[in-house]
Amino acid sequence: MFKFLKVLLASVVLLSLTACGGHGFEGTYRTSVDSTNPNSELVQYQKNIAKNNILIIGDNFMEAKGKRSFFEEITVREVDDKEFLVFIEANKKESLFEIVNGDQLRLRVTADTAFIFTKE
């Protein structure tokens, strides 16, 4: 009986920890561009797109340019010693944003260019 109560208590604690909080990256982010070739026309175009662009991440959505997209799940995953914020759609398609630190995400666009999202 005592073992059953321990297992029950552990299950309740685990479920309550799972239920509280999201992925930890909810907030408003400012967009910029990082590139090893900053003078290319493509990078200049991308910088123009990123200028004044705000990205809002919620516990189950992302909003940019007034359009809100909902996700089945947003979670953190480790791949090859790097952490990624993973946006999983209902059809199981995934988009991965590299976690640079607690306030910055990186979305690789090309081999030498990435959008950087910095938390406000």
C-alpha atoms as a PDB file:
ATOM      1  CA  MET A   1       0.000   0.000   0.000  1.00  0.00           C
ATOM      2  CA  PHE A   2       2.810   2.406   0.901  1.00  0.00           C
ATOM      3  CA  LYS A   3       4.540   1.757  -2.450  1.00  0.00           C
ATOM      4  CA  PHE A   4       1.278   2.494  -4.291  1.00  0.00           C
ATOM      5  CA  LEU A   5       0.940   5.847  -2.505  1.00  0.00           C
ATOM      6  CA  LYS A   6       4.552   6.777  -3.380  1.00  0.00           C
ATOM      7  CA  VAL A   7       3.934   5.991  -7.053  1.00  0.00           C
ATOM      8  CA  LEU A   8       0.644   7.909  -6.997  1.00  0.00           C
ATOM      9  CA  LEU A   9       2.290  10.947  -5.368  1.00  0.00           C
ATOM     10  CA  ALA A  10       5.189  10.880  -7.847  1.00  0.00           C
ATOM     11  CA  SER A  11       2.704  10.707 -10.741  1.00  0.00           C
ATOM     12  CA  VAL A  12       0.713  13.675  -9.427  1.00  0.00           C
ATOM     13  CA  VAL A  13       3.884  15.766  -8.990  1.00  0.00           C
ATOM     14  CA  LEU A  14       5.103  14.842 -12.483  1.00  0.00           C
ATOM     15  CA  LEU A  15       1.757  15.695 -14.076  1.00  0.00           C
ATOM     16  CA  SER A  16       1.546  19.031 -12.252  1.00  0.00           C
ATOM     17  CA  LEU A  17       5.067  19.971 -13.385  1.00  0.00           C
ATOM     18  CA  THR A  18       4.187  19.056 -16.960  1.00  0.00           C
ATOM     19  CA  ALA A  19       0.976  21.100 -16.832  1.00  0.00           C
ATOM     20  CA  CYS A  20       2.555  24.308 -15.600  1.00  0.00           C
ATOM     21  CA  GLY A  21       4.400  26.619 -17.899  1.00  0.00           C
ATOM     22  CA  GLY A  22       5.209  26.350 -21.533  1.00  0.00           C
ATOM     23  CA  HIS A  23       8.499  26.130 -23.348  1.00  0.00           C
ATOM     24  CA  GLY A  24      10.028  29.194 -21.648  1.00  0.00           C
ATOM     25  CA  PHE A  25      10.432  31.333 -24.780  1.00  0.00           C
ATOM     26  CA  GLU A  26       7.094  33.151 -24.734  1.00  0.00           C
ATOM     27  CA  GLY A  27       7.498  36.846 -25.505  1.00  0.00           C
ATOM     28  CA  THR A  28       8.080  39.545 -28.085  1.00  0.00           C
ATOM     29  CA  TYR A  29      11.173  39.406 -30.310  1.00  0.00           C
ATOM     30  CA  ARG A  30      12.803  41.965 -32.592  1.00  0.00           C
ATOM     31  CA  THR A  31      14.155  40.633 -35.917  1.00  0.00           C
ATOM     32  CA  SER A  32      17.599  41.252 -37.432  1.00  0.00           C
ATOM     33  CA  VAL A  33      19.823  39.549 -40.023  1.00  0.00           C
ATOM     34  CA  ASP A  34      23.257  38.002 -39.482  1.00  0.00           C
ATOM     35  CA  SER A  35      25.426  37.093 -42.466  1.00  0.00           C
ATOM     36  CA  THR A  36      29.007  36.320 -43.420  1.00  0.00           C
ATOM     37  CA  ASN A  37      28.297  38.204 -46.671  1.00  0.00           C
ATOM     38  CA  PRO A  38      26.571  41.387 -45.403  1.00  0.00           C
ATOM     39  CA  ASN A  39      26.821  43.336 -48.672  1.00  0.00           C
ATOM     40  CA  SER A  40      25.060  40.892 -50.968  1.00  0.00           C
ATOM     41  CA  GLU A  41      21.787  41.958 -52.555  1.00  0.00           C
ATOM     42  CA  LEU A  42      19.960  39.034 -50.929  1.00  0.00           C
ATOM     43  CA  VAL A  43      21.157  40.056 -47.459  1.00  0.00           C
ATOM     44  CA  GLN A  44      20.180  43.676 -48.092  1.00  0.00           C
ATOM     45  CA  TYR A  45      16.726  42.472 -49.141  1.00  0.00           C
ATOM     46  CA  GLN A  46      16.444  40.283 -46.017  1.00  0.00           C
ATOM     47  CA  LYS A  47      17.513  43.194 -43.791  1.00  0.00           C
ATOM     48  CA  ASN A  48      14.785  45.300 -45.355  1.00  0.00           C
ATOM     49  CA  ILE A  49      12.241  42.567 -44.552  1.00  0.00           C
ATOM     50  CA  ALA A  50      13.515  42.222 -40.978  1.00  0.00           C
ATOM     51  CA  LYS A  51      13.504  45.962 -40.272  1.00  0.00           C
ATOM     52  CA  ASN A  52      10.773  46.830 -37.757  1.00  0.00           C
ATOM     53  CA  ASN A  53       9.514  43.242 -37.841  1.00  0.00           C
ATOM     54  CA  ILE A  54       8.212  41.908 -34.526  1.00  0.00           C
ATOM     55  CA  LEU A  55       7.723  38.221 -33.748  1.00  0.00           C
ATOM     56  CA  ILE A  56       5.473  37.180 -30.859  1.00  0.00           C
ATOM     57  CA  ILE A  57       5.783  33.657 -29.480  1.00  0.00           C
ATOM     58  CA  GLY A  58       3.070  32.292 -27.194  1.00  0.00           C
ATOM     59  CA  ASP A  59       2.711  28.921 -25.532  1.00  0.00           C
ATOM     60  CA  ASN A  60       1.090  27.445 -28.690  1.00  0.00           C
ATOM     61  CA  PHE A  61       1.335  30.163 -31.381  1.00  0.00           C
ATOM     62  CA  MET A  62       3.623  32.481 -33.310  1.00  0.00           C
ATOM     63  CA  GLU A  63       2.504  35.866 -34.632  1.00  0.00           C
ATOM     64  CA  ALA A  64       4.284  37.946 -37.298  1.00  0.00           C
ATOM     65  CA  LYS A  65       2.989  40.824 -39.398  1.00  0.00           C
ATOM     66  CA  GLY A  66      -0.449  40.472 -37.798  1.00  0.00           C
ATOM     67  CA  LYS A  67      -0.828  36.823 -38.791  1.00  0.00           C
ATOM     68  CA  ARG A  68      -1.103  34.280 -35.989  1.00  0.00           C
ATOM     69  CA  SER A  69      -0.173  30.645 -36.614  1.00  0.00           C
ATOM     70  CA  PHE A  70      -1.123  27.972 -34.098  1.00  0.00           C
ATOM     71  CA  PHE A  71       0.942  24.861 -33.413  1.00  0.00           C
ATOM     72  CA  GLU A  72       0.184  21.423 -32.050  1.00  0.00           C
ATOM     73  CA  GLU A  73       3.189  21.847 -29.779  1.00  0.00           C
ATOM     74  CA  ILE A  74       6.150  24.147 -29.169  1.00  0.00           C
ATOM     75  CA  THR A  75       8.981  22.451 -27.310  1.00  0.00           C
ATOM     76  CA  VAL A  76      12.720  22.522 -26.708  1.00  0.00           C
ATOM     77  CA  ARG A  77      14.861  19.747 -28.226  1.00  0.00           C
ATOM     78  CA  GLU A  78      18.583  19.034 -28.135  1.00  0.00           C
ATOM     79  CA  VAL A  79      20.243  18.010 -31.420  1.00  0.00           C
ATOM     80  CA  ASP A  80      24.017  17.518 -31.759  1.00  0.00           C
ATOM     81  CA  ASP A  81      24.839  19.484 -28.580  1.00  0.00           C
ATOM     82  CA  LYS A  82      22.651  22.432 -29.661  1.00  0.00           C
ATOM     83  CA  GLU A  83      19.221  23.345 -28.341  1.00  0.00           C
ATOM     84  CA  PHE A  84      16.341  24.204 -30.643  1.00  0.00           C
ATOM     85  CA  LEU A  85      12.883  25.663 -30.132  1.00  0.00           C
ATOM     86  CA  VAL A  86      10.721  23.326 -32.218  1.00  0.00           C
ATOM     87  CA  PHE A  87       7.360  24.409 -33.677  1.00  0.00           C
ATOM     88  CA  ILE A  88       5.291  21.302 -34.504  1.00  0.00           C
ATOM     89  CA  GLU A  89       2.266  21.721 -36.774  1.00  0.00           C
ATOM     90  CA  ALA A  90      -0.827  19.493 -36.676  1.00  0.00           C
ATOM     91  CA  ASN A  91       0.487  17.602 -39.736  1.00  0.00           C
ATOM     92  CA  LYS A  92       3.723  16.936 -37.729  1.00  0.00           C
ATOM     93  CA  LYS A  93       5.828  19.264 -39.915  1.00  0.00           C
ATOM     94  CA  GLU A  94       8.529  20.876 -37.772  1.00  0.00           C
ATOM     95  CA  SER A  95      10.357  24.214 -37.867  1.00  0.00           C
ATOM     96  CA  LEU A  96      13.487  24.554 -35.751  1.00  0.00           C
ATOM     97  CA  PHE A  97      14.879  27.791 -34.340  1.00  0.00           C
ATOM     98  CA  GLU A  98      18.341  27.444 -32.796  1.00  0.00           C
ATOM     99  CA  ILE A  99      18.467  28.717 -29.218  1.00  0.00           C
ATOM    100  CA  VAL A 100      21.459  31.067 -29.008  1.00  0.00           C
ATOM    101  CA  ASN A 101      20.740  31.957 -25.363  1.00  0.00           C
ATOM    102  CA  GLY A 102      17.705  32.662 -23.176  1.00  0.00           C
ATOM    103  CA  ASP A 103      16.900  35.860 -25.098  1.00  0.00           C
ATOM    104  CA  GLN A 104      17.946  35.052 -28.655  1.00  0.00           C
ATOM    105  CA  LEU A 105      16.853  32.606 -31.367  1.00  0.00           C
ATOM    106  CA  ARG A 106      18.406  31.979 -34.809  1.00  0.00           C
ATOM    107  CA  LEU A 107      16.606  30.779 -37.941  1.00  0.00           C
ATOM    108  CA  ARG A 108      19.052  29.723 -40.655  1.00  0.00           C
ATOM    109  CA  VAL A 109      17.930  31.011 -44.089  1.00  0.00           C
ATOM    110  CA  THR A 110      20.946  30.072 -46.219  1.00  0.00           C
ATOM    111  CA  ALA A 111      24.380  28.616 -45.480  1.00  0.00           C
ATOM    112  CA  ASP A 112      25.742  32.078 -44.660  1.00  0.00           C
ATOM    113  CA  THR A 113      22.639  33.976 -43.521  1.00  0.00           C
ATOM    114  CA  ALA A 114      20.234  33.746 -40.571  1.00  0.00           C
ATOM    115  CA  PHE A 115      17.401  35.733 -39.052  1.00  0.00           C
ATOM    116  CA  ILE A 116      18.144  36.579 -35.427  1.00  0.00           C
ATOM    117  CA  PHE A 117      15.236  37.099 -33.015  1.00  0.00           C
ATOM    118  CA  THR A 118      16.114  39.022 -29.847  1.00  0.00           C
ATOM    119  CA  LYS A 119      13.680  39.167 -26.941  1.00  0.00           C
ATOM    120  CA  GLU A 120      12.541  42.679 -25.981  1.00  0.00           C
END
